[in-house]
Amino acid sequence: MSEPRSARAAPLLRVDDRGLFCPAGGFHVDPWKPVERAVISHGHGDHARWGSQAYLSAAPGMPILRRRLGEGAAVEAVPFGERVRIGEVSVSFHPAGHILGSAQVRVERGGEVWVFSGDYKRQPDATCESFEVVPCHTFITEATFALPIYRWDDTRQVAREILAWWDANREADRASVLFCYSLGKAQRILGELARLTDRQVFVHGAVEPLNECYRAAGIEMLPTRTVSETGRGQSFAGELVLAPPSAGGSTWMRRFGAAGTGFASGWMRVRGTRRRRGFDRGFTLSDHADWPDLLRTVEETGAERVLTTHGYAEPLARFLRERGLSAGTLATPFEGEEAE
């Protein structure tokens, strides 16, 4: 796309002490401190934080955002693709494919377009909207897994591996405790497994309220029941239990006895990570773009300038510069998937 060179004098988005700020619109995108007006890409804790006076999000992500921020938060929402005028700029949200309702934020002024990707992935996922390429002049991309080693397997194959692990533990009469992030990853696993079986899955109490958001949006998943609903002395032998990583090593784990433990994350791609973290099994499953998809997305946006953030931001920026693009980094206090 052609670029109005004169518009480059003042950047549309820049980092200040509260986050990514749009001076021409008077708002912050995914601020890490309370602000007057926050434009939010999605409901994960490193992007949607409490305390701001007003929030704007994509409509499909509003139920999750309200659950995180509380019913008292001043949250407005607009459909994907609908442009909203804020100060001197127009803002619109476009699917990011990360979790249900996750969005890229498009900001335009005088023909100049910037896109903040938020977190995104390009793999098929029936539990959220598919990623949409948004042409722009400046693209701010996440870089959580921006190293060539990070290349994702087919999601359906990973689901089959999880089911086979569960089956093996059933044969051994022990529980299968699979650690995964409560928002997005847990629901994706439940959705993928629903293609293969109709068994009930037990979940940690932090997971079920988010399952309800997905079911309300019409997402098909395996039936679930919270662990806390069971009576004292309930046996979980042969059952699959989904839990957030924070539950590992807690007293909550005692009820499962000598359970098999697994972790579903993009970090499982690196040999030795599973062993260092003490899991029996690791399943490489991420809701972020892998190395090939990061490069493909940068190319497809047509951006002449790329800013990288989260994770391996500097290696990605350096690689893009070597390929002839104008690229730099944006510092944030968060590191992508680990922060979820």
C-alpha atoms as a PDB file:
ATOM      1  CA  MET A   1       0.000   0.000   0.000  1.00  0.00           C
ATOM      2  CA  SER A   2       1.218   3.526  -0.716  1.00  0.00           C
ATOM      3  CA  GLU A   3       2.341   5.610   2.225  1.00  0.00           C
ATOM      4  CA  PRO A   4       1.791   9.310   2.993  1.00  0.00           C
ATOM      5  CA  ARG A   5       5.400  10.139   3.875  1.00  0.00           C
ATOM      6  CA  SER A   6       4.421  13.472   5.424  1.00  0.00           C
ATOM      7  CA  ALA A   7       2.395  11.671   8.093  1.00  0.00           C
ATOM      8  CA  ARG A   8       5.501   9.991   9.468  1.00  0.00           C
ATOM      9  CA  ALA A   9       6.693  13.099  11.336  1.00  0.00           C
ATOM     10  CA  ALA A  10       4.689  12.142  14.448  1.00  0.00           C
ATOM     11  CA  PRO A  11       4.213   8.424  15.143  1.00  0.00           C
ATOM     12  CA  LEU A  12       0.639   7.292  15.625  1.00  0.00           C
ATOM     13  CA  LEU A  13       1.664   5.023  18.517  1.00  0.00           C
ATOM     14  CA  ARG A  14       4.554   5.360  20.949  1.00  0.00           C
ATOM     15  CA  VAL A  15       5.518   3.891  24.318  1.00  0.00           C
ATOM     16  CA  ASP A  16       5.208   6.023  27.452  1.00  0.00           C
ATOM     17  CA  ASP A  17       5.323   5.115  31.148  1.00  0.00           C
ATOM     18  CA  ARG A  18       1.830   3.563  31.029  1.00  0.00           C
ATOM     19  CA  GLY A  19       1.970   1.631  27.788  1.00  0.00           C
ATOM     20  CA  LEU A  20       1.471   2.097  24.071  1.00  0.00           C
ATOM     21  CA  PHE A  21       0.009   5.589  23.625  1.00  0.00           C
ATOM     22  CA  CYS A  22      -1.782   7.222  20.697  1.00  0.00           C
ATOM     23  CA  PRO A  23      -1.226  11.004  21.112  1.00  0.00           C
ATOM     24  CA  ALA A  24      -3.649  11.904  18.317  1.00  0.00           C
ATOM     25  CA  GLY A  25      -6.428   9.855  19.945  1.00  0.00           C
ATOM     26  CA  GLY A  26      -5.648  10.302  23.624  1.00  0.00           C
ATOM     27  CA  PHE A  27      -5.834   6.571  24.394  1.00  0.00           C
ATOM     28  CA  HIS A  28      -3.523   3.696  25.277  1.00  0.00           C
ATOM     29  CA  VAL A  29      -3.513   0.245  23.676  1.00  0.00           C
ATOM     30  CA  ASP A  30      -3.253  -2.604  26.226  1.00  0.00           C
ATOM     31  CA  PRO A  31      -1.774  -0.306  28.918  1.00  0.00           C
ATOM     32  CA  TRP A  32       0.107  -1.857  31.822  1.00  0.00           C
ATOM     33  CA  LYS A  33      -0.968   0.920  34.226  1.00  0.00           C
ATOM     34  CA  PRO A  34      -4.373   2.593  34.708  1.00  0.00           C
ATOM     35  CA  VAL A  35      -5.177   5.224  32.092  1.00  0.00           C
ATOM     36  CA  GLU A  36      -8.083   7.477  31.142  1.00  0.00           C
ATOM     37  CA  ARG A  37      -9.022   5.418  28.071  1.00  0.00           C
ATOM     38  CA  ALA A  38      -7.790   1.926  27.190  1.00  0.00           C
ATOM     39  CA  VAL A  39      -8.224   0.143  23.874  1.00  0.00           C
ATOM     40  CA  ILE A  40      -7.912  -3.594  24.618  1.00  0.00           C
ATOM     41  CA  SER A  41      -6.875  -6.343  22.200  1.00  0.00           C
ATOM     42  CA  HIS A  42      -8.063  -9.292  24.324  1.00  0.00           C
ATOM     43  CA  GLY A  43      -8.763 -10.567  27.819  1.00  0.00           C
ATOM     44  CA  HIS A  44      -5.435 -12.068  28.944  1.00  0.00           C
ATOM     45  CA  GLY A  45      -3.938 -10.488  32.039  1.00  0.00           C
ATOM     46  CA  ASP A  46      -0.909  -9.007  30.303  1.00  0.00           C
ATOM     47  CA  HIS A  47      -3.196  -7.059  27.945  1.00  0.00           C
ATOM     48  CA  ALA A  48      -6.333  -6.289  29.985  1.00  0.00           C
ATOM     49  CA  ARG A  49      -5.545  -4.761  33.366  1.00  0.00           C
ATOM     50  CA  TRP A  50      -7.750  -3.258  36.046  1.00  0.00           C
ATOM     51  CA  GLY A  51      -8.079   0.413  36.989  1.00  0.00           C
ATOM     52  CA  SER A  52      -8.589   2.379  33.766  1.00  0.00           C
ATOM     53  CA  GLN A  53     -11.513   4.795  33.550  1.00  0.00           C
ATOM     54  CA  ALA A  54     -12.908   3.463  30.256  1.00  0.00           C
ATOM     55  CA  TYR A  55     -12.284   0.493  27.957  1.00  0.00           C
ATOM     56  CA  LEU A  56     -12.984  -0.188  24.295  1.00  0.00           C
ATOM     57  CA  SER A  57     -12.813  -3.711  22.832  1.00  0.00           C
ATOM     58  CA  ALA A  58     -14.084  -5.919  20.027  1.00  0.00           C
ATOM     59  CA  ALA A  59     -17.621  -7.114  20.726  1.00  0.00           C
ATOM     60  CA  PRO A  60     -16.871 -10.881  20.678  1.00  0.00           C
ATOM     61  CA  GLY A  61     -14.299 -10.421  23.438  1.00  0.00           C
ATOM     62  CA  MET A  62     -16.493  -8.297  25.699  1.00  0.00           C
ATOM     63  CA  PRO A  63     -17.864 -11.118  27.917  1.00  0.00           C
ATOM     64  CA  ILE A  64     -14.346 -12.299  28.728  1.00  0.00           C
ATOM     65  CA  LEU A  65     -13.164  -8.731  29.343  1.00  0.00           C
ATOM     66  CA  ARG A  66     -16.075  -8.067  31.696  1.00  0.00           C
ATOM     67  CA  ARG A  67     -15.311 -11.249  33.612  1.00  0.00           C
ATOM     68  CA  ARG A  68     -11.724 -10.137  34.074  1.00  0.00           C
ATOM     69  CA  LEU A  69     -12.418  -6.491  34.881  1.00  0.00           C
ATOM     70  CA  GLY A  70     -15.692  -6.862  36.791  1.00  0.00           C
ATOM     71  CA  GLU A  71     -19.203  -5.724  35.966  1.00  0.00           C
ATOM     72  CA  GLY A  72     -18.475  -2.236  37.291  1.00  0.00           C
ATOM     73  CA  ALA A  73     -15.855  -1.491  34.631  1.00  0.00           C
ATOM     74  CA  ALA A  74     -16.862   0.982  31.908  1.00  0.00           C
ATOM     75  CA  VAL A  75     -16.488  -1.242  28.832  1.00  0.00           C
ATOM     76  CA  GLU A  76     -17.714  -0.391  25.341  1.00  0.00           C
ATOM     77  CA  ALA A  77     -17.518  -2.792  22.436  1.00  0.00           C
ATOM     78  CA  VAL A  78     -17.823  -2.562  18.662  1.00  0.00           C
ATOM     79  CA  PRO A  79     -18.113  -5.293  16.000  1.00  0.00           C
ATOM     80  CA  PHE A  80     -15.045  -6.444  14.118  1.00  0.00           C
ATOM     81  CA  GLY A  81     -14.282  -4.074  11.234  1.00  0.00           C
ATOM     82  CA  GLU A  82     -16.421  -1.169  12.425  1.00  0.00           C
ATOM     83  CA  ARG A  83     -14.484   2.107  12.574  1.00  0.00           C
ATOM     84  CA  VAL A  84     -14.763   4.396  15.576  1.00  0.00           C
ATOM     85  CA  ARG A  85     -13.565   8.003  15.569  1.00  0.00           C
ATOM     86  CA  ILE A  86     -11.430   8.884  18.603  1.00  0.00           C
ATOM     87  CA  GLY A  87      -9.860  12.340  18.485  1.00  0.00           C
ATOM     88  CA  GLU A  88      -7.958  12.668  15.213  1.00  0.00           C
ATOM     89  CA  VAL A  89      -7.846   8.942  14.399  1.00  0.00           C
ATOM     90  CA  SER A  90     -10.180   6.127  13.432  1.00  0.00           C
ATOM     91  CA  VAL A  91      -9.878   2.831  15.295  1.00  0.00           C
ATOM     92  CA  SER A  92     -11.142  -0.609  14.317  1.00  0.00           C
ATOM     93  CA  PHE A  93     -10.696  -4.180  15.563  1.00  0.00           C
ATOM     94  CA  HIS A  94      -9.845  -7.173  13.372  1.00  0.00           C
ATOM     95  CA  PRO A  95      -9.633 -10.883  14.313  1.00  0.00           C
ATOM     96  CA  ALA A  96      -6.283 -12.023  15.703  1.00  0.00           C
ATOM     97  CA  GLY A  97      -7.007 -15.756  15.983  1.00  0.00           C
ATOM     98  CA  HIS A  98      -5.418 -15.935  19.462  1.00  0.00           C
ATOM     99  CA  ILE A  99      -8.421 -16.629  21.721  1.00  0.00           C
ATOM    100  CA  LEU A 100     -12.151 -15.956  21.513  1.00  0.00           C
ATOM    101  CA  GLY A 101     -12.682 -12.281  20.672  1.00  0.00           C
ATOM    102  CA  SER A 102      -8.974 -11.454  20.377  1.00  0.00           C
ATOM    103  CA  ALA A 103      -8.280  -8.538  18.074  1.00  0.00           C
ATOM    104  CA  GLN A 104      -5.688  -6.587  16.204  1.00  0.00           C
ATOM    105  CA  VAL A 105      -6.077  -2.836  16.627  1.00  0.00           C
ATOM    106  CA  ARG A 106      -6.002  -0.740  13.447  1.00  0.00           C
ATOM    107  CA  VAL A 107      -5.324   2.985  13.844  1.00  0.00           C
ATOM    108  CA  GLU A 108      -5.585   5.398  10.893  1.00  0.00           C
ATOM    109  CA  ARG A 109      -4.985   9.115  10.442  1.00  0.00           C
ATOM    110  CA  GLY A 110      -4.765  10.982   7.151  1.00  0.00           C
ATOM    111  CA  GLY A 111      -4.307   7.804   5.146  1.00  0.00           C
ATOM    112  CA  GLU A 112      -1.532   6.443   7.365  1.00  0.00           C
ATOM    113  CA  VAL A 113      -2.318   3.048   8.935  1.00  0.00           C
ATOM    114  CA  TRP A 114      -0.721   1.380  11.943  1.00  0.00           C
ATOM    115  CA  VAL A 115      -1.748  -2.070  13.167  1.00  0.00           C
ATOM    116  CA  PHE A 116      -1.053  -3.426  16.644  1.00  0.00           C
ATOM    117  CA  SER A 117      -1.306  -7.200  16.364  1.00  0.00           C
ATOM    118  CA  GLY A 118      -1.768  -8.046  20.026  1.00  0.00           C
ATOM    119  CA  ASP A 119      -1.210 -11.799  20.359  1.00  0.00           C
ATOM    120  CA  TYR A 120      -2.111 -13.801  17.277  1.00  0.00           C
ATOM    121  CA  LYS A 121      -1.869 -17.165  15.573  1.00  0.00           C
ATOM    122  CA  ARG A 122      -2.482 -18.435  12.057  1.00  0.00           C
ATOM    123  CA  GLN A 123      -3.285 -22.097  12.816  1.00  0.00           C
ATOM    124  CA  PRO A 124      -6.926 -23.207  12.382  1.00  0.00           C
ATOM    125  CA  ASP A 125      -8.865 -23.069  15.652  1.00  0.00           C
ATOM    126  CA  ALA A 126     -12.604 -23.702  15.860  1.00  0.00           C
ATOM    127  CA  THR A 127     -12.815 -22.010  19.276  1.00  0.00           C
ATOM    128  CA  CYS A 128     -12.041 -18.493  18.018  1.00  0.00           C
ATOM    129  CA  GLU A 129     -12.258 -16.246  14.982  1.00  0.00           C
ATOM    130  CA  SER A 130      -9.620 -16.790  12.277  1.00  0.00           C
ATOM    131  CA  PHE A 131      -6.779 -14.300  11.871  1.00  0.00           C
ATOM    132  CA  GLU A 132      -7.357 -11.557   9.308  1.00  0.00           C
ATOM    133  CA  VAL A 133      -4.460  -9.908   7.468  1.00  0.00           C
ATOM    134  CA  VAL A 134      -4.767  -6.109   7.779  1.00  0.00           C
ATOM    135  CA  PRO A 135      -2.678  -4.099   5.282  1.00  0.00           C
ATOM    136  CA  CYS A 136      -0.774  -1.281   6.942  1.00  0.00           C
ATOM    137  CA  HIS A 137       2.247   1.002   6.775  1.00  0.00           C
ATOM    138  CA  THR A 138       3.536   0.151  10.275  1.00  0.00           C
ATOM    139  CA  PHE A 139       2.939  -3.255  11.841  1.00  0.00           C
ATOM    140  CA  ILE A 140       3.513  -3.859  15.551  1.00  0.00           C
ATOM    141  CA  THR A 141       3.899  -7.604  15.919  1.00  0.00           C
ATOM    142  CA  GLU A 142       4.290  -9.872  18.910  1.00  0.00           C
ATOM    143  CA  ALA A 143       7.469 -11.971  18.968  1.00  0.00           C
ATOM    144  CA  THR A 144       6.732 -14.490  21.734  1.00  0.00           C
ATOM    145  CA  PHE A 145       8.110 -17.425  19.729  1.00  0.00           C
ATOM    146  CA  ALA A 146      10.241 -15.538  17.218  1.00  0.00           C
ATOM    147  CA  LEU A 147      13.059 -18.052  16.790  1.00  0.00           C
ATOM    148  CA  PRO A 148      13.398 -20.593  13.928  1.00  0.00           C
ATOM    149  CA  ILE A 149      13.126 -23.518  16.373  1.00  0.00           C
ATOM    150  CA  TYR A 150       9.493 -22.683  17.069  1.00  0.00           C
ATOM    151  CA  ARG A 151       7.396 -24.424  14.395  1.00  0.00           C
ATOM    152  CA  TRP A 152       4.029 -25.875  15.372  1.00  0.00           C
ATOM    153  CA  ASP A 153       2.704 -29.342  14.617  1.00  0.00           C
ATOM    154  CA  ASP A 154      -0.805 -29.876  13.284  1.00  0.00           C
ATOM    155  CA  THR A 155      -3.262 -29.200  16.113  1.00  0.00           C
ATOM    156  CA  ARG A 156      -5.311 -32.325  15.435  1.00  0.00           C
ATOM    157  CA  GLN A 157      -2.210 -34.469  15.753  1.00  0.00           C
ATOM    158  CA  VAL A 158      -1.443 -32.864  19.141  1.00  0.00           C
ATOM    159  CA  ALA A 159      -5.034 -33.605  20.243  1.00  0.00           C
ATOM    160  CA  ARG A 160      -4.569 -37.244  19.277  1.00  0.00           C
ATOM    161  CA  GLU A 161      -1.368 -37.360  21.334  1.00  0.00           C
ATOM    162  CA  ILE A 162      -3.199 -35.927  24.353  1.00  0.00           C
ATOM    163  CA  LEU A 163      -5.982 -38.520  23.988  1.00  0.00           C
ATOM    164  CA  ALA A 164      -3.444 -41.359  23.675  1.00  0.00           C
ATOM    165  CA  TRP A 165      -1.688 -40.157  26.856  1.00  0.00           C
ATOM    166  CA  TRP A 166      -5.035 -39.982  28.650  1.00  0.00           C
ATOM    167  CA  ASP A 167      -5.897 -43.493  27.454  1.00  0.00           C
ATOM    168  CA  ALA A 168      -2.545 -44.859  28.673  1.00  0.00           C
ATOM    169  CA  ASN A 169      -3.117 -43.359  32.108  1.00  0.00           C
ATOM    170  CA  ARG A 170      -6.637 -44.819  32.173  1.00  0.00           C
ATOM    171  CA  GLU A 171      -5.139 -48.224  31.524  1.00  0.00           C
ATOM    172  CA  ALA A 172      -2.738 -47.620  34.430  1.00  0.00           C
ATOM    173  CA  ASP A 173      -5.694 -46.518  36.627  1.00  0.00           C
ATOM    174  CA  ARG A 174      -4.324 -43.050  37.322  1.00  0.00           C
ATOM    175  CA  ALA A 175      -5.460 -39.495  36.684  1.00  0.00           C
ATOM    176  CA  SER A 176      -4.079 -37.330  33.865  1.00  0.00           C
ATOM    177  CA  VAL A 177      -3.509 -33.748  35.041  1.00  0.00           C
ATOM    178  CA  LEU A 178      -2.846 -31.503  32.051  1.00  0.00           C
ATOM    179  CA  PHE A 179      -1.621 -28.003  32.841  1.00  0.00           C
ATOM    180  CA  CYS A 180      -2.640 -25.299  30.382  1.00  0.00           C
ATOM    181  CA  TYR A 181      -3.628 -21.642  30.466  1.00  0.00           C
ATOM    182  CA  SER A 182      -7.160 -21.146  31.760  1.00  0.00           C
ATOM    183  CA  LEU A 183      -8.241 -18.785  28.994  1.00  0.00           C
ATOM    184  CA  GLY A 184      -7.906 -19.917  25.396  1.00  0.00           C
ATOM    185  CA  LYS A 185      -5.674 -22.980  25.712  1.00  0.00           C
ATOM    186  CA  ALA A 186      -8.026 -24.988  27.940  1.00  0.00           C
ATOM    187  CA  GLN A 187     -10.998 -24.305  25.673  1.00  0.00           C
ATOM    188  CA  ARG A 188      -8.997 -25.109  22.561  1.00  0.00           C
ATOM    189  CA  ILE A 189      -8.013 -28.482  24.034  1.00  0.00           C
ATOM    190  CA  LEU A 190     -11.621 -29.210  24.989  1.00  0.00           C
ATOM    191  CA  GLY A 191     -12.750 -28.276  21.486  1.00  0.00           C
ATOM    192  CA  GLU A 192     -10.127 -30.402  19.729  1.00  0.00           C
ATOM    193  CA  LEU A 193     -10.765 -33.411  21.972  1.00  0.00           C
ATOM    194  CA  ALA A 194     -14.498 -33.126  21.215  1.00  0.00           C
ATOM    195  CA  ARG A 195     -13.654 -34.247  17.663  1.00  0.00           C
ATOM    196  CA  LEU A 196     -12.215 -37.486  19.086  1.00  0.00           C
ATOM    197  CA  THR A 197     -14.302 -38.448  22.132  1.00  0.00           C
ATOM    198  CA  ASP A 198     -17.356 -37.483  24.178  1.00  0.00           C
ATOM    199  CA  ARG A 199     -15.926 -38.103  27.645  1.00  0.00           C
ATOM    200  CA  GLN A 200     -16.368 -35.661  30.508  1.00  0.00           C
ATOM    201  CA  VAL A 201     -13.312 -33.697  31.643  1.00  0.00           C
ATOM    202  CA  PHE A 202     -12.678 -32.326  35.130  1.00  0.00           C
ATOM    203  CA  VAL A 203     -11.381 -28.762  35.386  1.00  0.00           C
ATOM    204  CA  HIS A 204      -9.917 -26.420  37.970  1.00  0.00           C
ATOM    205  CA  GLY A 205     -12.250 -23.729  39.290  1.00  0.00           C
ATOM    206  CA  ALA A 206     -10.344 -21.046  37.370  1.00  0.00           C
ATOM    207  CA  VAL A 207     -11.168 -22.733  34.059  1.00  0.00           C
ATOM    208  CA  GLU A 208     -14.934 -23.313  34.244  1.00  0.00           C
ATOM    209  CA  PRO A 209     -16.133 -19.663  34.235  1.00  0.00           C
ATOM    210  CA  LEU A 210     -14.197 -19.137  31.020  1.00  0.00           C
ATOM    211  CA  ASN A 211     -15.665 -22.322  29.559  1.00  0.00           C
ATOM    212  CA  GLU A 212     -19.060 -20.733  30.180  1.00  0.00           C
ATOM    213  CA  CYS A 213     -18.067 -17.684  28.098  1.00  0.00           C
ATOM    214  CA  TYR A 214     -17.093 -19.945  25.216  1.00  0.00           C
ATOM    215  CA  ARG A 215     -20.253 -22.043  25.429  1.00  0.00           C
ATOM    216  CA  ALA A 216     -22.363 -18.874  25.469  1.00  0.00           C
ATOM    217  CA  ALA A 217     -20.672 -17.958  22.179  1.00  0.00           C
ATOM    218  CA  GLY A 218     -21.717 -21.295  20.681  1.00  0.00           C
ATOM    219  CA  ILE A 219     -18.325 -23.015  20.879  1.00  0.00           C
ATOM    220  CA  GLU A 220     -18.558 -26.822  21.034  1.00  0.00           C
ATOM    221  CA  MET A 221     -16.363 -28.466  23.662  1.00  0.00           C
ATOM    222  CA  LEU A 222     -16.310 -31.610  25.780  1.00  0.00           C
ATOM    223  CA  PRO A 223     -18.588 -31.567  28.848  1.00  0.00           C
ATOM    224  CA  THR A 224     -16.786 -30.405  31.969  1.00  0.00           C
ATOM    225  CA  ARG A 225     -17.190 -30.539  35.713  1.00  0.00           C
ATOM    226  CA  THR A 226     -15.172 -28.678  38.321  1.00  0.00           C
ATOM    227  CA  VAL A 227     -13.043 -30.698  40.720  1.00  0.00           C
ATOM    228  CA  SER A 228     -14.609 -28.807  43.626  1.00  0.00           C
ATOM    229  CA  GLU A 229     -18.058 -30.208  42.739  1.00  0.00           C
ATOM    230  CA  THR A 230     -16.966 -33.724  43.659  1.00  0.00           C
ATOM    231  CA  GLY A 231     -17.353 -35.220  47.105  1.00  0.00           C
ATOM    232  CA  ARG A 232     -14.575 -35.893  49.574  1.00  0.00           C
ATOM    233  CA  GLY A 233     -12.718 -39.064  48.648  1.00  0.00           C
ATOM    234  CA  GLN A 234     -13.715 -38.898  44.961  1.00  0.00           C
ATOM    235  CA  SER A 235     -11.361 -41.000  42.839  1.00  0.00           C
ATOM    236  CA  PHE A 236      -9.994 -39.355  39.701  1.00  0.00           C
ATOM    237  CA  ALA A 237      -8.306 -42.497  38.421  1.00  0.00           C
ATOM    238  CA  GLY A 238      -8.662 -42.604  34.641  1.00  0.00           C
ATOM    239  CA  GLU A 239      -9.936 -39.026  34.410  1.00  0.00           C
ATOM    240  CA  LEU A 240      -8.484 -36.037  32.562  1.00  0.00           C
ATOM    241  CA  VAL A 241      -8.114 -32.878  34.637  1.00  0.00           C
ATOM    242  CA  LEU A 242      -7.286 -29.453  33.137  1.00  0.00           C
ATOM    243  CA  ALA A 243      -5.603 -26.982  35.474  1.00  0.00           C
ATOM    244  CA  PRO A 244      -3.649 -23.705  35.239  1.00  0.00           C
ATOM    245  CA  PRO A 245       0.122 -23.947  35.763  1.00  0.00           C
ATOM    246  CA  SER A 246      -0.242 -22.107  39.083  1.00  0.00           C
ATOM    247  CA  ALA A 247      -1.983 -25.190  40.534  1.00  0.00           C
ATOM    248  CA  GLY A 248       1.125 -27.318  40.130  1.00  0.00           C
ATOM    249  CA  GLY A 249       2.849 -28.090  43.424  1.00  0.00           C
ATOM    250  CA  SER A 250      -0.124 -26.832  45.453  1.00  0.00           C
ATOM    251  CA  THR A 251      -2.124 -28.802  48.014  1.00  0.00           C
ATOM    252  CA  TRP A 252      -4.907 -28.950  45.400  1.00  0.00           C
ATOM    253  CA  MET A 253      -2.873 -31.632  43.596  1.00  0.00           C
ATOM    254  CA  ARG A 254      -3.016 -34.079  46.535  1.00  0.00           C
ATOM    255  CA  ARG A 255      -6.480 -35.353  45.624  1.00  0.00           C
ATOM    256  CA  PHE A 256      -5.177 -36.883  42.378  1.00  0.00           C
ATOM    257  CA  GLY A 257      -2.609 -39.183  43.988  1.00  0.00           C
ATOM    258  CA  ALA A 258       0.166 -40.474  41.733  1.00  0.00           C
ATOM    259  CA  ALA A 259      -1.237 -38.720  38.660  1.00  0.00           C
ATOM    260  CA  GLY A 260       0.417 -38.385  35.292  1.00  0.00           C
ATOM    261  CA  THR A 261       1.232 -34.729  34.606  1.00  0.00           C
ATOM    262  CA  GLY A 262       1.523 -32.904  31.304  1.00  0.00           C
ATOM    263  CA  PHE A 263       1.872 -29.340  30.055  1.00  0.00           C
ATOM    264  CA  ALA A 264       0.435 -27.952  26.806  1.00  0.00           C
ATOM    265  CA  SER A 265       2.489 -24.979  25.639  1.00  0.00           C
ATOM    266  CA  GLY A 266       4.658 -23.731  22.820  1.00  0.00           C
ATOM    267  CA  TRP A 267       7.586 -23.882  25.235  1.00  0.00           C
ATOM    268  CA  MET A 268       7.405 -27.675  25.010  1.00  0.00           C
ATOM    269  CA  ARG A 269       9.040 -27.432  21.581  1.00  0.00           C
ATOM    270  CA  VAL A 270      12.429 -26.989  23.289  1.00  0.00           C
ATOM    271  CA  ARG A 271      13.979 -30.258  24.381  1.00  0.00           C
ATOM    272  CA  GLY A 272      14.618 -30.310  28.106  1.00  0.00           C
ATOM    273  CA  THR A 273      11.924 -27.787  29.102  1.00  0.00           C
ATOM    274  CA  ARG A 274       9.497 -30.531  30.120  1.00  0.00           C
ATOM    275  CA  ARG A 275      12.167 -32.258  32.196  1.00  0.00           C
ATOM    276  CA  ARG A 276      13.263 -29.065  33.943  1.00  0.00           C
ATOM    277  CA  ARG A 277       9.670 -28.261  34.873  1.00  0.00           C
ATOM    278  CA  GLY A 278       8.979 -31.762  36.166  1.00  0.00           C
ATOM    279  CA  PHE A 279       6.202 -32.871  33.795  1.00  0.00           C
ATOM    280  CA  ASP A 280       5.766 -36.430  32.569  1.00  0.00           C
ATOM    281  CA  ARG A 281       4.665 -35.264  29.127  1.00  0.00           C
ATOM    282  CA  GLY A 282       4.884 -32.108  27.092  1.00  0.00           C
ATOM    283  CA  PHE A 283       2.505 -31.216  24.252  1.00  0.00           C
ATOM    284  CA  THR A 284       3.566 -28.504  21.832  1.00  0.00           C
ATOM    285  CA  LEU A 285       0.458 -26.384  21.497  1.00  0.00           C
ATOM    286  CA  SER A 286       0.533 -22.595  21.347  1.00  0.00           C
ATOM    287  CA  ASP A 287      -1.971 -19.829  20.733  1.00  0.00           C
ATOM    288  CA  HIS A 288       0.796 -17.633  19.307  1.00  0.00           C
ATOM    289  CA  ALA A 289       2.245 -17.526  15.797  1.00  0.00           C
ATOM    290  CA  ASP A 290       5.293 -19.671  15.168  1.00  0.00           C
ATOM    291  CA  TRP A 291       8.405 -18.498  13.298  1.00  0.00           C
ATOM    292  CA  PRO A 292       7.146 -19.176   9.731  1.00  0.00           C
ATOM    293  CA  ASP A 293       3.789 -17.549  10.426  1.00  0.00           C
ATOM    294  CA  LEU A 294       5.386 -14.463  11.972  1.00  0.00           C
ATOM    295  CA  LEU A 295       7.433 -13.922   8.822  1.00  0.00           C
ATOM    296  CA  ARG A 296       4.471 -14.695   6.553  1.00  0.00           C
ATOM    297  CA  THR A 297       2.282 -12.218   8.396  1.00  0.00           C
ATOM    298  CA  VAL A 298       4.827  -9.412   8.222  1.00  0.00           C
ATOM    299  CA  GLU A 299       5.103  -9.961   4.471  1.00  0.00           C
ATOM    300  CA  GLU A 300       1.354 -10.151   3.869  1.00  0.00           C
ATOM    301  CA  THR A 301       0.608  -6.886   5.691  1.00  0.00           C
ATOM    302  CA  GLY A 302       2.793  -5.046   3.180  1.00  0.00           C
ATOM    303  CA  ALA A 303       4.231  -2.971   6.020  1.00  0.00           C
ATOM    304  CA  GLU A 304       7.356  -0.941   5.290  1.00  0.00           C
ATOM    305  CA  ARG A 305       8.087  -0.574   8.993  1.00  0.00           C
ATOM    306  CA  VAL A 306       7.801  -3.300  11.646  1.00  0.00           C
ATOM    307  CA  LEU A 307       8.036  -2.899  15.414  1.00  0.00           C
ATOM    308  CA  THR A 308       8.405  -6.061  17.510  1.00  0.00           C
ATOM    309  CA  THR A 309       7.311  -6.641  21.095  1.00  0.00           C
ATOM    310  CA  HIS A 310       6.951  -9.441  23.669  1.00  0.00           C
ATOM    311  CA  GLY A 311       9.383 -12.355  23.790  1.00  0.00           C
ATOM    312  CA  TYR A 312      12.173 -12.554  21.200  1.00  0.00           C
ATOM    313  CA  ALA A 313      11.592  -9.024  19.920  1.00  0.00           C
ATOM    314  CA  GLU A 314      15.215  -8.135  19.148  1.00  0.00           C
ATOM    315  CA  PRO A 315      16.092 -11.330  17.214  1.00  0.00           C
ATOM    316  CA  LEU A 316      13.002 -10.872  15.031  1.00  0.00           C
ATOM    317  CA  ALA A 317      13.714  -7.172  14.428  1.00  0.00           C
ATOM    318  CA  ARG A 318      17.339  -7.965  13.534  1.00  0.00           C
ATOM    319  CA  PHE A 319      16.260 -10.693  11.094  1.00  0.00           C
ATOM    320  CA  LEU A 320      13.791  -8.331   9.404  1.00  0.00           C
ATOM    321  CA  ARG A 321      16.438  -5.608   9.080  1.00  0.00           C
ATOM    322  CA  GLU A 322      18.738  -8.123   7.412  1.00  0.00           C
ATOM    323  CA  ARG A 323      15.947  -8.712   4.898  1.00  0.00           C
ATOM    324  CA  GLY A 324      15.772  -5.000   4.091  1.00  0.00           C
ATOM    325  CA  LEU A 325      12.838  -3.886   6.229  1.00  0.00           C
ATOM    326  CA  SER A 326      12.843  -0.976   8.635  1.00  0.00           C
ATOM    327  CA  ALA A 327      12.411  -2.750  11.983  1.00  0.00           C
ATOM    328  CA  GLY A 328      12.827  -1.935  15.658  1.00  0.00           C
ATOM    329  CA  THR A 329      11.564  -3.056  19.070  1.00  0.00           C
ATOM    330  CA  LEU A 330       9.011  -1.817  21.609  1.00  0.00           C
ATOM    331  CA  ALA A 331       9.811  -2.660  25.218  1.00  0.00           C
ATOM    332  CA  THR A 332       7.046  -3.992  27.493  1.00  0.00           C
ATOM    333  CA  PRO A 333       7.143  -5.592  30.965  1.00  0.00           C
ATOM    334  CA  PHE A 334       5.435  -8.748  29.681  1.00  0.00           C
ATOM    335  CA  GLU A 335       6.691 -11.798  27.828  1.00  0.00           C
ATOM    336  CA  GLY A 336       3.725 -13.282  26.001  1.00  0.00           C
ATOM    337  CA  GLU A 337       2.540 -16.818  26.746  1.00  0.00           C
ATOM    338  CA  GLU A 338       4.390 -17.168  30.046  1.00  0.00           C
ATOM    339  CA  ALA A 339       2.486 -14.186  31.437  1.00  0.00           C
ATOM    340  CA  GLU A 340      -0.895 -15.820  30.792  1.00  0.00           C
END
